[in-house]
Amino acid sequence: MISPSRRKFLSSTAALAATALAPLRAARAQGASKKTRLVLLGTGGGPRVIPNGRAKSANLIVANGVPYVVDCGEGVAHQLVRAGVALNTLRYVFITHHHSDHNLDYGNVIYDSWAAGLRAPVDAYGPPPIKAMTEAYWQLNRFDIETRIGDEGRPDLRKLVTAHEFKVTAARVRHPPIVHAYAYRFDAPDRSIVISGDTTYSPELIALAKGADVLVSEVMHLAGLENLLKKVPNAATLREHLLASHIVTEDLGKLAAAAGVKTLVLSHLVPPDDNSITDDMWVEGVRMHYGGKVIVGQDLMEI
């Protein structure tokens, strides 16, 4: 059982974290000068398919030329290509928690990378049951994979992927009823980036994000909640879930101020498709408590 205390969590996983983040640390040791890229691949929250709306939740960090994908909402492979990333360079995948708008294309982005020429190992990190999910994906696609190995001479994709459960720098956040929901922190040579995943106000996230250059956080706008609920008539307790497990703009401002982050990026916007909520309205509540730089995320925006 992992303690919600970040200190205990990190002490129990430090050895394995070194393996996952080796490229980042090697780059720092060598004084690498390459700029670390942060691209918001998908900034929409929730599982609904929205015509011409925001893409599902996914983020890209490229450090020292190595791509790290954080969350795999539907369509993530297409967004990676649109961001100019060759799929066969995929090496690391992180899942913050197991809601479909964060993991639906986990297996598919790895498969699409294999179809694009992937031959190198891929490490995937996330809460349980990511290992079982990985095995289930192999079973689901066994016929196709084995056909292409024999017919096209491809390496066995199943031997390239290693799934790890909770083995990176992370902190458990508060996203009931999901017990295993995590935020990730990446410390690159030139800046530190934290991805919140889904969370309500979380002291654990404040501790993880202390002094970070960039915090990419989910956010919910209360004024748009009623219009959102009208679009989802078959979810009787959705209101209670949203209020209990997602962070509103005012609380996000308090969190960012307490963590002392330099730049706050709003993503996983809930509602994701209410055009009556302007960028100024998204920022207004945050500004009540936070004086740093605020960016309202858009799909494929590079920070």
C-alpha atoms as a PDB file:
ATOM      1  CA  MET A   1       0.000   0.000   0.000  1.00  0.00           C
ATOM      2  CA  ILE A   2       1.483   3.336  -1.008  1.00  0.00           C
ATOM      3  CA  SER A   3       1.153   6.147   1.516  1.00  0.00           C
ATOM      4  CA  PRO A   4      -0.418   9.371   0.288  1.00  0.00           C
ATOM      5  CA  SER A   5       2.624  11.096   1.762  1.00  0.00           C
ATOM      6  CA  ARG A   6       4.876  12.146  -1.086  1.00  0.00           C
ATOM      7  CA  ARG A   7       7.967  11.596   1.068  1.00  0.00           C
ATOM      8  CA  LYS A   8       7.063   7.986   1.793  1.00  0.00           C
ATOM      9  CA  PHE A   9       6.000   7.421  -1.794  1.00  0.00           C
ATOM     10  CA  LEU A  10       9.256   8.687  -3.230  1.00  0.00           C
ATOM     11  CA  SER A  11      11.413   6.814  -0.724  1.00  0.00           C
ATOM     12  CA  SER A  12       9.700   3.560  -1.637  1.00  0.00           C
ATOM     13  CA  THR A  13      10.193   4.073  -5.385  1.00  0.00           C
ATOM     14  CA  ALA A  14      13.453   6.014  -5.661  1.00  0.00           C
ATOM     15  CA  ALA A  15      15.542   3.171  -7.058  1.00  0.00           C
ATOM     16  CA  LEU A  16      13.095   2.394  -9.837  1.00  0.00           C
ATOM     17  CA  ALA A  17      12.530   6.088 -10.572  1.00  0.00           C
ATOM     18  CA  ALA A  18      16.186   6.359 -11.525  1.00  0.00           C
ATOM     19  CA  THR A  19      15.629   3.867 -14.331  1.00  0.00           C
ATOM     20  CA  ALA A  20      12.565   5.640 -15.695  1.00  0.00           C
ATOM     21  CA  LEU A  21      14.089   9.109 -15.632  1.00  0.00           C
ATOM     22  CA  ALA A  22      17.631   8.185 -16.654  1.00  0.00           C
ATOM     23  CA  PRO A  23      17.512  10.123 -19.954  1.00  0.00           C
ATOM     24  CA  LEU A  24      16.493  13.285 -18.098  1.00  0.00           C
ATOM     25  CA  ARG A  25      19.235  12.958 -15.514  1.00  0.00           C
ATOM     26  CA  ALA A  26      21.868  12.061 -18.073  1.00  0.00           C
ATOM     27  CA  ALA A  27      20.963  15.175 -20.022  1.00  0.00           C
ATOM     28  CA  ARG A  28      21.309  17.302 -16.896  1.00  0.00           C
ATOM     29  CA  ALA A  29      24.692  15.786 -16.074  1.00  0.00           C
ATOM     30  CA  GLN A  30      25.970  16.497 -19.566  1.00  0.00           C
ATOM     31  CA  GLY A  31      24.713  20.063 -19.472  1.00  0.00           C
ATOM     32  CA  ALA A  32      22.473  19.435 -22.456  1.00  0.00           C
ATOM     33  CA  SER A  33      21.370  22.625 -24.180  1.00  0.00           C
ATOM     34  CA  LYS A  34      18.353  21.278 -26.058  1.00  0.00           C
ATOM     35  CA  LYS A  35      15.143  23.032 -25.167  1.00  0.00           C
ATOM     36  CA  THR A  36      12.609  20.892 -23.353  1.00  0.00           C
ATOM     37  CA  ARG A  37       9.336  20.928 -25.280  1.00  0.00           C
ATOM     38  CA  LEU A  38       5.912  20.813 -23.660  1.00  0.00           C
ATOM     39  CA  VAL A  39       3.002  20.294 -26.060  1.00  0.00           C
ATOM     40  CA  LEU A  40      -0.625  20.018 -25.010  1.00  0.00           C
ATOM     41  CA  LEU A  41      -1.823  17.236 -27.301  1.00  0.00           C
ATOM     42  CA  GLY A  42      -5.376  17.236 -25.959  1.00  0.00           C
ATOM     43  CA  THR A  43      -7.015  19.720 -23.578  1.00  0.00           C
ATOM     44  CA  GLY A  44     -10.607  18.492 -23.304  1.00  0.00           C
ATOM     45  CA  GLY A  45     -11.997  16.779 -20.231  1.00  0.00           C
ATOM     46  CA  GLY A  46     -14.517  13.945 -20.218  1.00  0.00           C
ATOM     47  CA  PRO A  47     -15.338  10.941 -22.432  1.00  0.00           C
ATOM     48  CA  ARG A  48     -17.990  12.445 -24.730  1.00  0.00           C
ATOM     49  CA  VAL A  49     -17.237  12.650 -28.468  1.00  0.00           C
ATOM     50  CA  ILE A  50     -17.507  16.336 -29.370  1.00  0.00           C
ATOM     51  CA  PRO A  51     -17.704  17.394 -33.034  1.00  0.00           C
ATOM     52  CA  ASN A  52     -14.933  19.877 -33.761  1.00  0.00           C
ATOM     53  CA  GLY A  53     -14.192  20.025 -30.029  1.00  0.00           C
ATOM     54  CA  ARG A  54     -11.048  19.699 -27.976  1.00  0.00           C
ATOM     55  CA  ALA A  55      -9.020  16.500 -28.242  1.00  0.00           C
ATOM     56  CA  LYS A  56      -8.974  14.081 -25.315  1.00  0.00           C
ATOM     57  CA  SER A  57      -6.450  14.451 -22.524  1.00  0.00           C
ATOM     58  CA  ALA A  58      -2.811  13.922 -23.507  1.00  0.00           C
ATOM     59  CA  ASN A  59       0.462  15.788 -23.048  1.00  0.00           C
ATOM     60  CA  LEU A  60       3.886  15.549 -24.648  1.00  0.00           C
ATOM     61  CA  ILE A  61       7.239  16.371 -23.085  1.00  0.00           C
ATOM     62  CA  VAL A  62      10.354  16.086 -25.243  1.00  0.00           C
ATOM     63  CA  ALA A  63      13.541  16.220 -23.180  1.00  0.00           C
ATOM     64  CA  ASN A  64      16.960  15.753 -24.775  1.00  0.00           C
ATOM     65  CA  GLY A  65      15.208  14.497 -27.897  1.00  0.00           C
ATOM     66  CA  VAL A  66      13.245  11.793 -26.030  1.00  0.00           C
ATOM     67  CA  PRO A  67       9.404  11.967 -26.120  1.00  0.00           C
ATOM     68  CA  TYR A  68       7.430  11.325 -22.937  1.00  0.00           C
ATOM     69  CA  VAL A  69       3.664  10.952 -23.404  1.00  0.00           C
ATOM     70  CA  VAL A  70       1.494  11.667 -20.365  1.00  0.00           C
ATOM     71  CA  ASP A  71      -2.015  10.237 -20.734  1.00  0.00           C
ATOM     72  CA  CYS A  72      -3.467   8.661 -23.843  1.00  0.00           C
ATOM     73  CA  GLY A  73      -6.923   9.965 -24.549  1.00  0.00           C
ATOM     74  CA  GLU A  74      -8.555   8.913 -27.807  1.00  0.00           C
ATOM     75  CA  GLY A  75      -6.628  10.114 -30.853  1.00  0.00           C
ATOM     76  CA  VAL A  76      -3.279  10.644 -29.134  1.00  0.00           C
ATOM     77  CA  ALA A  77      -1.271   9.067 -31.982  1.00  0.00           C
ATOM     78  CA  HIS A  78      -2.817  11.481 -34.485  1.00  0.00           C
ATOM     79  CA  GLN A  79      -2.001  14.409 -32.201  1.00  0.00           C
ATOM     80  CA  LEU A  80       1.603  13.264 -31.844  1.00  0.00           C
ATOM     81  CA  VAL A  81       1.987  13.226 -35.624  1.00  0.00           C
ATOM     82  CA  ARG A  82       0.401  16.682 -35.856  1.00  0.00           C
ATOM     83  CA  ALA A  83       2.926  17.867 -33.257  1.00  0.00           C
ATOM     84  CA  GLY A  84       5.766  16.700 -35.496  1.00  0.00           C
ATOM     85  CA  VAL A  85       6.799  13.659 -33.457  1.00  0.00           C
ATOM     86  CA  ALA A  86       7.786  10.490 -35.306  1.00  0.00           C
ATOM     87  CA  LEU A  87       5.775   7.686 -33.712  1.00  0.00           C
ATOM     88  CA  ASN A  88       8.667   5.240 -33.920  1.00  0.00           C
ATOM     89  CA  THR A  89      10.585   7.427 -31.440  1.00  0.00           C
ATOM     90  CA  LEU A  90       8.103   6.658 -28.651  1.00  0.00           C
ATOM     91  CA  ARG A  91       9.942   5.430 -25.532  1.00  0.00           C
ATOM     92  CA  TYR A  92       7.923   6.370 -22.430  1.00  0.00           C
ATOM     93  CA  VAL A  93       4.183   6.454 -21.687  1.00  0.00           C
ATOM     94  CA  PHE A  94       2.631   7.610 -18.418  1.00  0.00           C
ATOM     95  CA  ILE A  95      -1.000   7.181 -17.333  1.00  0.00           C
ATOM     96  CA  THR A  96      -2.216   9.391 -14.480  1.00  0.00           C
ATOM     97  CA  HIS A  97      -5.332   7.324 -13.715  1.00  0.00           C
ATOM     98  CA  HIS A  98      -7.728   4.907 -15.341  1.00  0.00           C
ATOM     99  CA  HIS A  99     -10.563   6.973 -16.722  1.00  0.00           C
ATOM    100  CA  SER A 100     -11.235   6.397 -20.404  1.00  0.00           C
ATOM    101  CA  ASP A 101     -10.455   9.980 -21.460  1.00  0.00           C
ATOM    102  CA  HIS A 102      -6.928   9.369 -20.138  1.00  0.00           C
ATOM    103  CA  ASN A 103      -6.192   5.769 -21.151  1.00  0.00           C
ATOM    104  CA  LEU A 104      -8.464   4.706 -24.018  1.00  0.00           C
ATOM    105  CA  ASP A 105      -5.650   4.852 -26.596  1.00  0.00           C
ATOM    106  CA  TYR A 106      -2.862   3.564 -24.342  1.00  0.00           C
ATOM    107  CA  GLY A 107      -2.465   0.340 -26.285  1.00  0.00           C
ATOM    108  CA  ASN A 108      -3.253   1.958 -29.613  1.00  0.00           C
ATOM    109  CA  VAL A 109      -0.512   4.600 -29.447  1.00  0.00           C
ATOM    110  CA  ILE A 110       2.048   1.849 -28.823  1.00  0.00           C
ATOM    111  CA  TYR A 111       0.620  -0.264 -31.637  1.00  0.00           C
ATOM    112  CA  ASP A 112       0.567   2.731 -34.007  1.00  0.00           C
ATOM    113  CA  SER A 113       4.213   3.400 -33.136  1.00  0.00           C
ATOM    114  CA  TRP A 114       5.042  -0.229 -33.947  1.00  0.00           C
ATOM    115  CA  ALA A 115       3.259   0.116 -37.285  1.00  0.00           C
ATOM    116  CA  ALA A 116       5.380   3.217 -37.908  1.00  0.00           C
ATOM    117  CA  GLY A 117       8.634   1.283 -37.443  1.00  0.00           C
ATOM    118  CA  LEU A 118       9.169   1.054 -33.676  1.00  0.00           C
ATOM    119  CA  ARG A 119      11.950  -1.385 -32.778  1.00  0.00           C
ATOM    120  CA  ALA A 120      13.187  -0.006 -29.439  1.00  0.00           C
ATOM    121  CA  PRO A 121      11.766  -0.832 -25.989  1.00  0.00           C
ATOM    122  CA  VAL A 122       8.893   1.197 -24.544  1.00  0.00           C
ATOM    123  CA  ASP A 123       8.335   1.667 -20.804  1.00  0.00           C
ATOM    124  CA  ALA A 124       4.802   2.393 -19.620  1.00  0.00           C
ATOM    125  CA  TYR A 125       4.066   3.707 -16.135  1.00  0.00           C
ATOM    126  CA  GLY A 126       0.784   4.062 -14.285  1.00  0.00           C
ATOM    127  CA  PRO A 127      -1.451   2.842 -11.487  1.00  0.00           C
ATOM    128  CA  PRO A 128      -2.741  -0.727 -11.306  1.00  0.00           C
ATOM    129  CA  PRO A 129      -4.029  -2.478 -13.319  1.00  0.00           C
ATOM    130  CA  ILE A 130      -1.779  -1.181 -16.122  1.00  0.00           C
ATOM    131  CA  LYS A 131       0.070  -4.505 -16.308  1.00  0.00           C
ATOM    132  CA  ALA A 132      -3.172  -6.441 -16.710  1.00  0.00           C
ATOM    133  CA  MET A 133      -4.411  -3.891 -19.260  1.00  0.00           C
ATOM    134  CA  THR A 134      -1.252  -4.351 -21.289  1.00  0.00           C
ATOM    135  CA  GLU A 135      -1.639  -8.116 -21.314  1.00  0.00           C
ATOM    136  CA  ALA A 136      -5.309  -7.802 -22.228  1.00  0.00           C
ATOM    137  CA  TYR A 137      -4.377  -5.591 -25.182  1.00  0.00           C
ATOM    138  CA  TRP A 138      -1.962  -8.236 -26.449  1.00  0.00           C
ATOM    139  CA  GLN A 139      -4.709 -10.847 -26.231  1.00  0.00           C
ATOM    140  CA  LEU A 140      -7.199  -8.597 -27.999  1.00  0.00           C
ATOM    141  CA  ASN A 141      -4.797  -8.003 -30.890  1.00  0.00           C
ATOM    142  CA  ARG A 142      -2.936 -11.325 -30.857  1.00  0.00           C
ATOM    143  CA  PHE A 143      -4.076 -12.413 -34.320  1.00  0.00           C
ATOM    144  CA  ASP A 144      -3.048  -9.156 -35.982  1.00  0.00           C
ATOM    145  CA  ILE A 145       0.277  -8.880 -34.160  1.00  0.00           C
ATOM    146  CA  GLU A 146       1.329 -12.444 -34.892  1.00  0.00           C
ATOM    147  CA  THR A 147       0.219 -12.142 -38.518  1.00  0.00           C
ATOM    148  CA  ARG A 148       2.361  -9.046 -39.031  1.00  0.00           C
ATOM    149  CA  ILE A 149       5.352 -10.615 -37.284  1.00  0.00           C
ATOM    150  CA  GLY A 150       5.243 -13.548 -39.697  1.00  0.00           C
ATOM    151  CA  ASP A 151       4.047 -11.765 -42.828  1.00  0.00           C
ATOM    152  CA  GLU A 152       5.911  -8.453 -42.527  1.00  0.00           C
ATOM    153  CA  GLY A 153       8.987  -9.462 -40.537  1.00  0.00           C
ATOM    154  CA  ARG A 154       8.305  -7.100 -37.652  1.00  0.00           C
ATOM    155  CA  PRO A 155       9.792  -7.546 -34.156  1.00  0.00           C
ATOM    156  CA  ASP A 156       7.428  -8.931 -31.523  1.00  0.00           C
ATOM    157  CA  LEU A 157       5.727  -5.850 -30.077  1.00  0.00           C
ATOM    158  CA  ARG A 158       4.833  -7.733 -26.903  1.00  0.00           C
ATOM    159  CA  LYS A 159       8.520  -8.135 -26.057  1.00  0.00           C
ATOM    160  CA  LEU A 160       9.244  -4.428 -26.549  1.00  0.00           C
ATOM    161  CA  VAL A 161       6.820  -3.103 -23.930  1.00  0.00           C
ATOM    162  CA  THR A 162       7.339  -3.207 -20.164  1.00  0.00           C
ATOM    163  CA  ALA A 163       4.530  -1.964 -17.922  1.00  0.00           C
ATOM    164  CA  HIS A 164       5.419  -0.566 -14.497  1.00  0.00           C
ATOM    165  CA  GLU A 165       3.066   0.315 -11.669  1.00  0.00           C
ATOM    166  CA  PHE A 166       4.010   3.438  -9.624  1.00  0.00           C
ATOM    167  CA  LYS A 167       7.710   3.696 -10.366  1.00  0.00           C
ATOM    168  CA  VAL A 168       8.380   7.355 -11.179  1.00  0.00           C
ATOM    169  CA  THR A 169       8.463  10.701  -9.395  1.00  0.00           C
ATOM    170  CA  ALA A 170       4.797  11.178  -8.591  1.00  0.00           C
ATOM    171  CA  ALA A 171       2.249  11.960  -5.909  1.00  0.00           C
ATOM    172  CA  ARG A 172      -1.187  10.574  -5.280  1.00  0.00           C
ATOM    173  CA  VAL A 173      -3.853  13.216  -5.870  1.00  0.00           C
ATOM    174  CA  ARG A 174      -7.520  13.346  -4.862  1.00  0.00           C
ATOM    175  CA  HIS A 175      -9.945  12.201  -7.540  1.00  0.00           C
ATOM    176  CA  PRO A 176     -12.697  10.127  -5.892  1.00  0.00           C
ATOM    177  CA  PRO A 177     -13.850   7.465  -6.451  1.00  0.00           C
ATOM    178  CA  ILE A 178     -10.542   6.653  -8.225  1.00  0.00           C
ATOM    179  CA  VAL A 179      -8.141   5.685  -5.435  1.00  0.00           C
ATOM    180  CA  HIS A 180      -5.076   5.428  -7.652  1.00  0.00           C
ATOM    181  CA  ALA A 181      -4.862   8.824  -9.377  1.00  0.00           C
ATOM    182  CA  TYR A 182      -1.441  10.431  -9.758  1.00  0.00           C
ATOM    183  CA  ALA A 183       0.346  13.592 -10.811  1.00  0.00           C
ATOM    184  CA  TYR A 184       3.816  13.364 -12.402  1.00  0.00           C
ATOM    185  CA  ARG A 185       6.825  15.650 -12.167  1.00  0.00           C
ATOM    186  CA  PHE A 186       9.569  15.868 -14.791  1.00  0.00           C
ATOM    187  CA  ASP A 187      12.806  17.659 -13.849  1.00  0.00           C
ATOM    188  CA  ALA A 188      14.632  18.385 -17.109  1.00  0.00           C
ATOM    189  CA  PRO A 189      17.929  20.264 -17.506  1.00  0.00           C
ATOM    190  CA  ASP A 190      16.249  23.565 -18.326  1.00  0.00           C
ATOM    191  CA  ARG A 191      12.947  23.416 -16.443  1.00  0.00           C
ATOM    192  CA  SER A 192      10.601  21.374 -14.280  1.00  0.00           C
ATOM    193  CA  ILE A 193       7.125  20.388 -15.469  1.00  0.00           C
ATOM    194  CA  VAL A 194       4.272  18.921 -13.430  1.00  0.00           C
ATOM    195  CA  ILE A 195       1.186  17.265 -14.959  1.00  0.00           C
ATOM    196  CA  SER A 196      -1.682  17.157 -12.450  1.00  0.00           C
ATOM    197  CA  GLY A 197      -3.923  14.485 -13.938  1.00  0.00           C
ATOM    198  CA  ASP A 198      -7.477  14.726 -12.575  1.00  0.00           C
ATOM    199  CA  THR A 199      -7.727  16.074  -9.045  1.00  0.00           C
ATOM    200  CA  THR A 200      -9.610  18.257  -6.650  1.00  0.00           C
ATOM    201  CA  TYR A 201      -7.658  20.576  -4.316  1.00  0.00           C
ATOM    202  CA  SER A 202      -4.732  18.420  -3.189  1.00  0.00           C
ATOM    203  CA  PRO A 203      -1.992  19.234  -0.663  1.00  0.00           C
ATOM    204  CA  GLU A 204      -0.036  16.331  -2.166  1.00  0.00           C
ATOM    205  CA  LEU A 205      -0.009  18.078  -5.532  1.00  0.00           C
ATOM    206  CA  ILE A 206       1.189  21.289  -3.886  1.00  0.00           C
ATOM    207  CA  ALA A 207       4.125  19.375  -2.398  1.00  0.00           C
ATOM    208  CA  LEU A 208       4.973  17.718  -5.715  1.00  0.00           C
ATOM    209  CA  ALA A 209       4.757  20.987  -7.671  1.00  0.00           C
ATOM    210  CA  LYS A 210       6.782  23.133  -5.238  1.00  0.00           C
ATOM    211  CA  GLY A 211       8.830  25.654  -7.211  1.00  0.00           C
ATOM    212  CA  ALA A 212       8.055  24.056 -10.581  1.00  0.00           C
ATOM    213  CA  ASP A 213       8.494  26.133 -13.700  1.00  0.00           C
ATOM    214  CA  VAL A 214       5.266  24.840 -15.247  1.00  0.00           C
ATOM    215  CA  LEU A 215       2.167  23.204 -13.773  1.00  0.00           C
ATOM    216  CA  VAL A 216      -0.299  21.781 -16.298  1.00  0.00           C
ATOM    217  CA  SER A 217      -3.520  21.341 -14.364  1.00  0.00           C
ATOM    218  CA  GLU A 218      -7.050  20.264 -15.009  1.00  0.00           C
ATOM    219  CA  VAL A 219      -9.726  22.846 -14.203  1.00  0.00           C
ATOM    220  CA  MET A 220     -13.515  23.120 -14.002  1.00  0.00           C
ATOM    221  CA  HIS A 221     -15.572  26.280 -14.533  1.00  0.00           C
ATOM    222  CA  LEU A 222     -18.588  26.308 -12.232  1.00  0.00           C
ATOM    223  CA  ALA A 223     -20.620  28.644 -14.440  1.00  0.00           C
ATOM    224  CA  GLY A 224     -20.545  26.093 -17.251  1.00  0.00           C
ATOM    225  CA  LEU A 225     -21.537  23.130 -15.104  1.00  0.00           C
ATOM    226  CA  GLU A 226     -25.297  23.413 -15.623  1.00  0.00           C
ATOM    227  CA  ASN A 227     -24.997  23.551 -19.408  1.00  0.00           C
ATOM    228  CA  LEU A 228     -22.700  20.524 -19.323  1.00  0.00           C
ATOM    229  CA  LEU A 229     -25.163  18.496 -17.244  1.00  0.00           C
ATOM    230  CA  LYS A 230     -27.935  19.178 -19.787  1.00  0.00           C
ATOM    231  CA  LYS A 231     -25.820  17.451 -22.448  1.00  0.00           C
ATOM    232  CA  VAL A 232     -25.422  14.257 -20.395  1.00  0.00           C
ATOM    233  CA  PRO A 233     -28.975  13.197 -19.469  1.00  0.00           C
ATOM    234  CA  ASN A 234     -28.120   9.584 -18.554  1.00  0.00           C
ATOM    235  CA  ALA A 235     -25.746  10.349 -15.655  1.00  0.00           C
ATOM    236  CA  ALA A 236     -27.869  11.055 -12.571  1.00  0.00           C
ATOM    237  CA  THR A 237     -25.000  11.622 -10.140  1.00  0.00           C
ATOM    238  CA  LEU A 238     -22.571  13.356 -12.492  1.00  0.00           C
ATOM    239  CA  ARG A 239     -22.984  16.707 -10.694  1.00  0.00           C
ATOM    240  CA  GLU A 240     -21.862  15.218  -7.382  1.00  0.00           C
ATOM    241  CA  HIS A 241     -18.906  13.479  -9.018  1.00  0.00           C
ATOM    242  CA  LEU A 242     -17.677  16.615 -10.772  1.00  0.00           C
ATOM    243  CA  LEU A 243     -17.906  18.792  -7.679  1.00  0.00           C
ATOM    244  CA  ALA A 244     -16.169  16.194  -5.497  1.00  0.00           C
ATOM    245  CA  SER A 245     -13.324  15.231  -7.807  1.00  0.00           C
ATOM    246  CA  HIS A 246     -12.334  18.183 -10.016  1.00  0.00           C
ATOM    247  CA  ILE A 247     -10.692  21.482  -9.122  1.00  0.00           C
ATOM    248  CA  VAL A 248     -12.501  24.761  -9.786  1.00  0.00           C
ATOM    249  CA  THR A 249     -10.737  27.896 -10.985  1.00  0.00           C
ATOM    250  CA  GLU A 250     -10.608  29.658  -7.611  1.00  0.00           C
ATOM    251  CA  ASP A 251      -9.150  26.631  -5.817  1.00  0.00           C
ATOM    252  CA  LEU A 252      -6.623  26.113  -8.598  1.00  0.00           C
ATOM    253  CA  GLY A 253      -5.400  29.657  -8.057  1.00  0.00           C
ATOM    254  CA  LYS A 254      -4.902  28.900  -4.372  1.00  0.00           C
ATOM    255  CA  LEU A 255      -3.053  25.677  -5.183  1.00  0.00           C
ATOM    256  CA  ALA A 256      -0.726  27.291  -7.730  1.00  0.00           C
ATOM    257  CA  ALA A 257       0.082  30.114  -5.321  1.00  0.00           C
ATOM    258  CA  ALA A 258       0.807  27.702  -2.474  1.00  0.00           C
ATOM    259  CA  ALA A 259       3.103  25.647  -4.716  1.00  0.00           C
ATOM    260  CA  GLY A 260       4.905  28.738  -5.987  1.00  0.00           C
ATOM    261  CA  VAL A 261       4.818  27.615  -9.622  1.00  0.00           C
ATOM    262  CA  LYS A 262       6.024  30.110 -12.206  1.00  0.00           C
ATOM    263  CA  THR A 263       3.552  29.285 -15.001  1.00  0.00           C
ATOM    264  CA  LEU A 264       0.119  27.702 -14.705  1.00  0.00           C
ATOM    265  CA  VAL A 265      -1.385  26.025 -17.781  1.00  0.00           C
ATOM    266  CA  LEU A 266      -5.113  25.265 -17.754  1.00  0.00           C
ATOM    267  CA  SER A 267      -5.967  21.986 -19.478  1.00  0.00           C
ATOM    268  CA  HIS A 268      -8.486  19.120 -19.298  1.00  0.00           C
ATOM    269  CA  LEU A 269     -11.083  21.894 -19.349  1.00  0.00           C
ATOM    270  CA  VAL A 270     -14.512  20.999 -17.936  1.00  0.00           C
ATOM    271  CA  PRO A 271     -16.766  21.758 -19.720  1.00  0.00           C
ATOM    272  CA  PRO A 272     -14.665  21.202 -22.845  1.00  0.00           C
ATOM    273  CA  ASP A 273     -17.125  22.571 -25.397  1.00  0.00           C
ATOM    274  CA  ASP A 274     -18.812  25.669 -23.933  1.00  0.00           C
ATOM    275  CA  ASN A 275     -17.814  28.514 -26.224  1.00  0.00           C
ATOM    276  CA  SER A 276     -19.585  31.019 -24.004  1.00  0.00           C
ATOM    277  CA  ILE A 277     -16.710  30.649 -21.515  1.00  0.00           C
ATOM    278  CA  THR A 278     -13.953  32.915 -22.809  1.00  0.00           C
ATOM    279  CA  ASP A 279     -10.278  32.639 -21.956  1.00  0.00           C
ATOM    280  CA  ASP A 280     -10.666  35.651 -19.653  1.00  0.00           C
ATOM    281  CA  MET A 281     -13.445  33.848 -17.816  1.00  0.00           C
ATOM    282  CA  TRP A 282     -11.287  30.741 -17.341  1.00  0.00           C
ATOM    283  CA  VAL A 283      -8.530  32.916 -15.886  1.00  0.00           C
ATOM    284  CA  GLU A 284     -10.729  35.198 -13.767  1.00  0.00           C
ATOM    285  CA  GLY A 285     -11.184  32.833 -10.832  1.00  0.00           C
ATOM    286  CA  VAL A 286      -7.526  31.780 -10.868  1.00  0.00           C
ATOM    287  CA  ARG A 287      -6.407  35.407 -10.700  1.00  0.00           C
ATOM    288  CA  MET A 288      -8.225  35.911  -7.401  1.00  0.00           C
ATOM    289  CA  HIS A 289      -5.382  34.027  -5.680  1.00  0.00           C
ATOM    290  CA  TYR A 290      -2.495  33.544  -8.139  1.00  0.00           C
ATOM    291  CA  GLY A 291      -0.307  36.261  -9.629  1.00  0.00           C
ATOM    292  CA  GLY A 292       1.957  34.229 -11.911  1.00  0.00           C
ATOM    293  CA  LYS A 293       1.645  33.573 -15.634  1.00  0.00           C
ATOM    294  CA  VAL A 294      -1.566  31.797 -16.675  1.00  0.00           C
ATOM    295  CA  ILE A 295      -2.118  30.129 -20.047  1.00  0.00           C
ATOM    296  CA  VAL A 296      -5.433  28.703 -21.215  1.00  0.00           C
ATOM    297  CA  GLY A 297      -4.409  25.561 -23.076  1.00  0.00           C
ATOM    298  CA  GLN A 298      -5.414  24.720 -26.631  1.00  0.00           C
ATOM    299  CA  ASP A 299      -4.845  21.498 -28.544  1.00  0.00           C
ATOM    300  CA  LEU A 300      -1.291  21.291 -30.000  1.00  0.00           C
ATOM    301  CA  MET A 301      -0.218  24.440 -28.159  1.00  0.00           C
ATOM    302  CA  GLU A 302       3.490  24.376 -27.325  1.00  0.00           C
ATOM    303  CA  ILE A 303       4.374  25.990 -24.006  1.00  0.00           C
END
